[in-house]
């Protein structure tokens, strides 16, 4: 079982890296469009704050979370768009303050939950460590959109291992979501930013994906098209998974168009 404190430390570090990109932005800069269609930088930050708020509710009031999901999502996933729209036109200090307060509230809330307790979520229930991993993944992914909007090239860190781990754990989910069999052994072999080898799954599996960890994380968070990434897939299941990979709960995303 993953230890929660190191995960929360990495989540804080990932959030701080994104915070450094946006801390000095004024209202006009926050209105800069990002690669996510229709979303500005303000949308990205408001979405993170909105999701943190839901996460805090799941950690502190599971019954209240279930009731709120029924109320907010009965008409579909447009609640996600409504949450992101909360940041549009909001004064920078208020938007950033709301995001900062919410992410710290979440860290405190998760630290108070017993390690083996499963928290409700929009997808399968998650233990506190898994929820922290999911929040880190979202922070990194939406941070990538912000960095792209600002023309900033981020230096990848060892925190990518958390994103990659979630990408591996959701392979079966993505396959099932598309009506594909998810019972074949699967191997993932990645090269970390520092050159270390990261691997998951059966070494003898015929279905396997390999390549740079950064590219794998960009794929599973749908921040780059597979044609723009140096990933290799062998085996029918791995080849079928590559274009449908997703780490997030809910319906399949549209993904990104090739850069070239």
Protein backbone atom coordinates (compact mmCIF):
# COMPACT_ATOMS: atom_id res chain seq x y z
CA UNK A 1 0.00 0.00 0.00
CA UNK A 2 1.38 3.42 -0.96
CA UNK A 3 2.27 5.71 1.94
CA UNK A 4 0.06 8.78 2.08
CA UNK A 5 2.46 11.38 3.45
CA UNK A 6 5.00 11.17 0.59
CA UNK A 7 2.09 11.34 -1.86
CA UNK A 8 0.71 14.44 -0.18
CA UNK A 9 4.19 15.99 -0.19
CA UNK A 10 4.44 15.34 -3.93
CA UNK A 11 0.93 16.72 -4.47
CA UNK A 12 1.92 19.90 -2.66
CA UNK A 13 5.10 20.13 -4.76
CA UNK A 14 3.17 19.64 -8.00
CA UNK A 15 0.66 22.30 -6.96
CA UNK A 16 3.46 24.69 -6.01
CA UNK A 17 5.06 24.26 -9.43
CA UNK A 18 1.80 25.21 -11.14
CA UNK A 19 1.26 28.03 -8.63
CA UNK A 20 4.62 29.51 -9.63
CA UNK A 21 3.39 29.71 -13.23
CA UNK A 22 0.15 31.51 -12.45
CA UNK A 23 0.84 33.54 -9.29
CA UNK A 24 1.66 36.74 -11.16
CA UNK A 25 -1.05 36.55 -13.83
CA UNK A 26 -3.60 39.33 -14.04
CA UNK A 27 -7.21 38.97 -15.16
CA UNK A 28 -6.30 39.37 -18.85
CA UNK A 29 -3.57 36.72 -18.63
CA UNK A 30 -5.91 34.31 -16.85
CA UNK A 31 -8.23 34.69 -19.85
CA UNK A 32 -5.57 33.19 -22.15
CA UNK A 33 -6.91 30.20 -24.04
CA UNK A 34 -5.43 26.75 -23.38
CA UNK A 35 -5.31 23.62 -25.58
CA UNK A 36 -8.53 22.42 -23.93
CA UNK A 37 -11.28 23.69 -26.23
CA UNK A 38 -13.13 26.61 -24.68
CA UNK A 39 -11.05 26.65 -21.51
CA UNK A 40 -8.85 29.52 -20.41
CA UNK A 41 -6.20 29.39 -17.72
CA UNK A 42 -8.89 30.56 -15.30
CA UNK A 43 -11.07 27.59 -16.30
CA UNK A 44 -8.18 25.22 -15.58
CA UNK A 45 -7.57 26.61 -12.10
CA UNK A 46 -11.26 26.79 -11.26
CA UNK A 47 -11.63 23.16 -12.33
CA UNK A 48 -8.84 22.11 -9.97
CA UNK A 49 -10.46 24.08 -7.14
CA UNK A 50 -13.86 22.56 -7.96
CA UNK A 51 -12.50 19.00 -7.98
CA UNK A 52 -10.61 19.56 -4.75
CA UNK A 53 -13.88 20.72 -3.18
CA UNK A 54 -15.58 17.49 -4.26
CA UNK A 55 -12.63 15.50 -2.94
CA UNK A 56 -12.85 17.19 0.46
CA UNK A 57 -16.56 16.37 0.58
CA UNK A 58 -15.85 12.72 -0.28
CA UNK A 59 -13.23 12.53 2.48
CA UNK A 60 -15.28 14.27 5.19
CA UNK A 61 -18.91 13.45 4.35
CA UNK A 62 -19.34 10.39 2.09
CA UNK A 63 -23.14 10.43 2.41
CA UNK A 64 -23.22 14.12 1.56
CA UNK A 65 -21.00 13.44 -1.44
CA UNK A 66 -23.39 10.78 -2.76
CA UNK A 67 -26.37 13.09 -2.37
CA UNK A 68 -24.54 15.96 -4.06
CA UNK A 69 -23.53 13.76 -7.00
CA UNK A 70 -27.14 12.72 -7.55
CA UNK A 71 -28.21 16.35 -7.44
CA UNK A 72 -25.44 17.88 -9.54
CA UNK A 73 -24.92 15.19 -12.16
CA UNK A 74 -28.45 14.01 -12.85
CA UNK A 75 -28.41 15.94 -16.12
CA UNK A 76 -24.97 14.69 -17.18
CA UNK A 77 -21.35 15.75 -16.89
CA UNK A 78 -22.06 19.41 -17.73
CA UNK A 79 -21.50 19.96 -14.00
CA UNK A 80 -17.78 19.78 -14.81
CA UNK A 81 -18.17 22.68 -17.24
CA UNK A 82 -20.16 24.65 -14.69
CA UNK A 83 -17.44 24.13 -12.12
CA UNK A 84 -14.74 25.33 -14.50
CA UNK A 85 -16.82 28.38 -15.44
CA UNK A 86 -16.75 29.54 -11.81
CA UNK A 87 -13.33 31.05 -12.46
CA UNK A 88 -14.25 33.09 -15.52
CA UNK A 89 -13.98 36.77 -14.67
CA UNK A 90 -13.21 36.08 -11.02
CA UNK A 91 -10.54 38.43 -9.58
CA UNK A 92 -7.15 36.67 -9.69
CA UNK A 93 -6.63 36.92 -5.93
CA UNK A 94 -9.99 35.27 -5.24
CA UNK A 95 -9.53 32.49 -7.78
CA UNK A 96 -5.99 31.69 -6.69
CA UNK A 97 -6.93 31.98 -3.02
CA UNK A 98 -9.83 29.57 -3.47
CA UNK A 99 -7.62 27.06 -5.22
CA UNK A 100 -4.85 27.35 -2.61
CA UNK A 101 -7.22 27.03 0.33
CA UNK A 102 -9.02 24.07 -1.22
CA UNK A 103 -5.94 22.05 -1.98
CA UNK A 104 -4.64 22.50 1.58
CA UNK A 105 -8.03 21.55 3.00
CA UNK A 106 -7.87 18.40 0.90
CA UNK A 107 -4.41 17.44 2.17
CA UNK A 108 -5.63 17.81 5.75
CA UNK A 109 -8.84 15.88 5.04
CA UNK A 110 -7.06 12.96 3.36
CA UNK A 111 -4.49 12.71 6.16
CA UNK A 112 -7.35 12.19 8.63
CA UNK A 113 -8.89 9.23 6.75
CA UNK A 114 -7.77 5.68 7.74
CA UNK A 115 -5.54 4.23 5.02
CA UNK A 116 -7.86 1.31 4.20
CA UNK A 117 -11.10 3.29 3.98
CA UNK A 118 -12.49 3.71 0.47
CA UNK A 119 -13.86 7.11 -0.42
CA UNK A 120 -16.71 7.59 -2.91
CA UNK A 121 -15.89 9.15 -6.26
CA UNK A 122 -17.34 9.70 -9.73
CA UNK A 123 -15.67 6.45 -10.79
CA UNK A 124 -14.70 3.53 -8.55
CA UNK A 125 -14.24 4.31 -4.82
CA UNK A 126 -10.67 5.16 -3.82
CA UNK A 127 -8.52 4.91 -0.72
CA UNK A 128 -6.87 8.15 0.46
CA UNK A 129 -3.56 7.33 -1.24
CA UNK A 130 -5.30 6.67 -4.54
CA UNK A 131 -7.24 9.91 -4.27
CA UNK A 132 -4.02 11.82 -3.60
CA UNK A 133 -2.51 10.17 -6.68
CA UNK A 134 -5.53 11.15 -8.75
CA UNK A 135 -5.32 14.76 -7.56
CA UNK A 136 -1.62 14.86 -8.43
CA UNK A 137 -2.39 13.50 -11.89
CA UNK A 138 -5.06 16.16 -12.46
CA UNK A 139 -2.81 18.93 -11.17
CA UNK A 140 -0.02 17.82 -13.48
CA UNK A 141 -2.32 17.42 -16.49
CA UNK A 142 -4.10 20.76 -16.11
CA UNK A 143 -0.74 22.30 -15.31
CA UNK A 144 0.43 21.04 -18.70
CA UNK A 145 -2.43 22.90 -20.37
CA UNK A 146 -1.46 26.07 -18.51
CA UNK A 147 2.21 25.66 -19.41
CA UNK A 148 1.29 25.14 -23.07
CA UNK A 149 -0.88 28.26 -23.01
CA UNK A 150 2.00 30.29 -21.58
CA UNK A 151 4.60 28.77 -23.91
CA UNK A 152 6.50 27.27 -20.98
CA UNK A 153 8.38 23.97 -21.26
CA UNK A 154 8.34 22.26 -17.88
CA UNK A 155 11.16 20.08 -16.61
CA UNK A 156 9.73 16.61 -15.90
CA UNK A 157 10.27 15.26 -12.40
CA UNK A 158 10.16 11.91 -10.62
CA UNK A 159 6.56 12.81 -9.64
CA UNK A 160 5.60 11.52 -13.08
CA UNK A 161 5.80 8.03 -11.60
CA UNK A 162 2.50 8.67 -9.82
CA UNK A 163 0.84 9.73 -13.06
CA UNK A 164 2.30 6.76 -14.92
CA UNK A 165 1.18 4.38 -12.16
CA UNK A 166 -2.38 5.66 -12.48
CA UNK A 167 -2.13 5.33 -16.25
CA UNK A 168 -1.22 1.66 -15.83
CA UNK A 169 -3.93 1.05 -13.23
CA UNK A 170 -6.60 2.42 -15.57
CA UNK A 171 -5.68 0.36 -18.63
CA UNK A 172 -8.45 -2.15 -17.90
CA UNK A 173 -10.93 0.67 -17.25
CA UNK A 174 -10.23 2.28 -20.62
CA UNK A 175 -10.48 -1.03 -22.48
CA UNK A 176 -13.75 -1.94 -20.77
CA UNK A 177 -15.15 1.53 -21.44
CA UNK A 178 -14.72 0.81 -25.16
CA UNK A 179 -16.08 -2.74 -25.03
CA UNK A 180 -12.67 -4.37 -25.41
CA UNK A 181 -11.41 -7.39 -23.43
CA UNK A 182 -9.28 -6.40 -20.45
CA UNK A 183 -8.10 -9.81 -19.22
CA UNK A 184 -4.83 -10.18 -21.14
CA UNK A 185 -1.45 -9.69 -19.36
CA UNK A 186 -0.06 -6.22 -20.06
CA UNK A 187 3.47 -4.88 -19.62
CA UNK A 188 4.55 -1.23 -19.44
CA UNK A 189 8.23 -0.26 -19.53
CA UNK A 190 9.15 3.41 -19.26
CA UNK A 191 12.28 5.52 -19.05
CA UNK A 192 12.07 7.99 -16.18
CA UNK A 193 13.27 11.61 -16.52
CA UNK A 194 16.54 10.68 -14.77
CA UNK A 195 17.07 7.60 -16.97
CA UNK A 196 15.84 5.07 -14.42
CA UNK A 197 13.72 2.17 -15.71
CA UNK A 198 10.12 1.99 -14.47
CA UNK A 199 8.03 -1.08 -15.18
CA UNK A 200 4.67 -2.61 -14.39
CA UNK A 201 3.05 -5.94 -15.26
CA UNK A 202 4.08 -9.39 -16.39
CA UNK A 203 7.56 -9.37 -18.02
CA UNK A 204 6.41 -12.20 -20.30
CA UNK A 205 3.28 -10.38 -21.54
CA UNK A 206 2.83 -10.21 -25.31
CA UNK A 207 0.96 -6.90 -25.01
CA UNK A 208 3.35 -4.15 -23.99
CA UNK A 209 3.93 -0.40 -24.22
CA UNK A 210 7.35 1.21 -23.88
CA UNK A 211 8.90 4.64 -24.20
CA UNK A 212 9.64 7.82 -22.22
CA UNK A 213 7.65 8.26 -19.01
CA UNK A 214 6.78 11.84 -19.99
CA UNK A 215 5.25 10.68 -23.26
CA UNK A 216 3.27 7.95 -21.51
CA UNK A 217 1.88 10.49 -19.04
CA UNK A 218 0.98 12.90 -21.85
CA UNK A 219 -0.85 10.03 -23.55
CA UNK A 220 -2.87 8.75 -20.60
CA UNK A 221 -3.94 12.27 -19.59
CA UNK A 222 -4.84 12.98 -23.24
CA UNK A 223 -2.53 16.01 -23.44
CA UNK A 224 -0.85 14.89 -26.66
CA UNK A 225 -1.92 12.79 -29.64
CA UNK A 226 -0.25 9.40 -29.81
CA UNK A 227 1.33 10.32 -33.17
CA UNK A 228 3.37 13.02 -31.41
CA UNK A 229 4.78 10.66 -28.80
CA UNK A 230 7.70 8.22 -28.84
CA UNK A 231 5.74 5.26 -27.54
CA UNK A 232 5.83 1.75 -28.94
CA UNK A 233 2.94 -0.69 -28.58
CA UNK A 234 3.16 -4.38 -29.44
CA UNK A 235 0.32 -6.88 -29.27
CA UNK A 236 -3.32 -6.38 -30.28
CA UNK A 237 -4.56 -5.21 -26.89
CA UNK A 238 -1.73 -2.70 -26.43
CA UNK A 239 -2.25 -1.35 -29.94
CA UNK A 240 -5.99 -1.00 -29.33
CA UNK A 241 -5.41 0.72 -25.98
CA UNK A 242 -2.97 3.36 -27.21
CA UNK A 243 -5.59 5.61 -28.89
CA UNK A 244 -8.17 5.27 -26.08
CA UNK A 245 -6.00 5.61 -22.98
CA UNK A 246 -7.47 7.75 -20.19
CA UNK A 247 -6.80 8.10 -16.48
CA UNK A 248 -9.92 10.09 -15.66
CA UNK A 249 -13.37 8.87 -14.66
CA UNK A 250 -16.36 9.50 -16.87
CA UNK A 251 -16.96 9.26 -20.61
CA UNK A 252 -14.04 9.11 -23.08
CA UNK A 253 -12.46 12.45 -23.84
CA UNK A 254 -11.97 13.85 -27.32
CA UNK A 255 -8.21 13.89 -26.88
CA UNK A 256 -5.92 16.20 -28.81
CA UNK A 257 -5.26 16.55 -32.51
CA UNK A 258 -1.75 15.80 -33.81
CA UNK A 259 0.60 18.78 -33.61
CA UNK A 260 1.93 18.29 -37.11
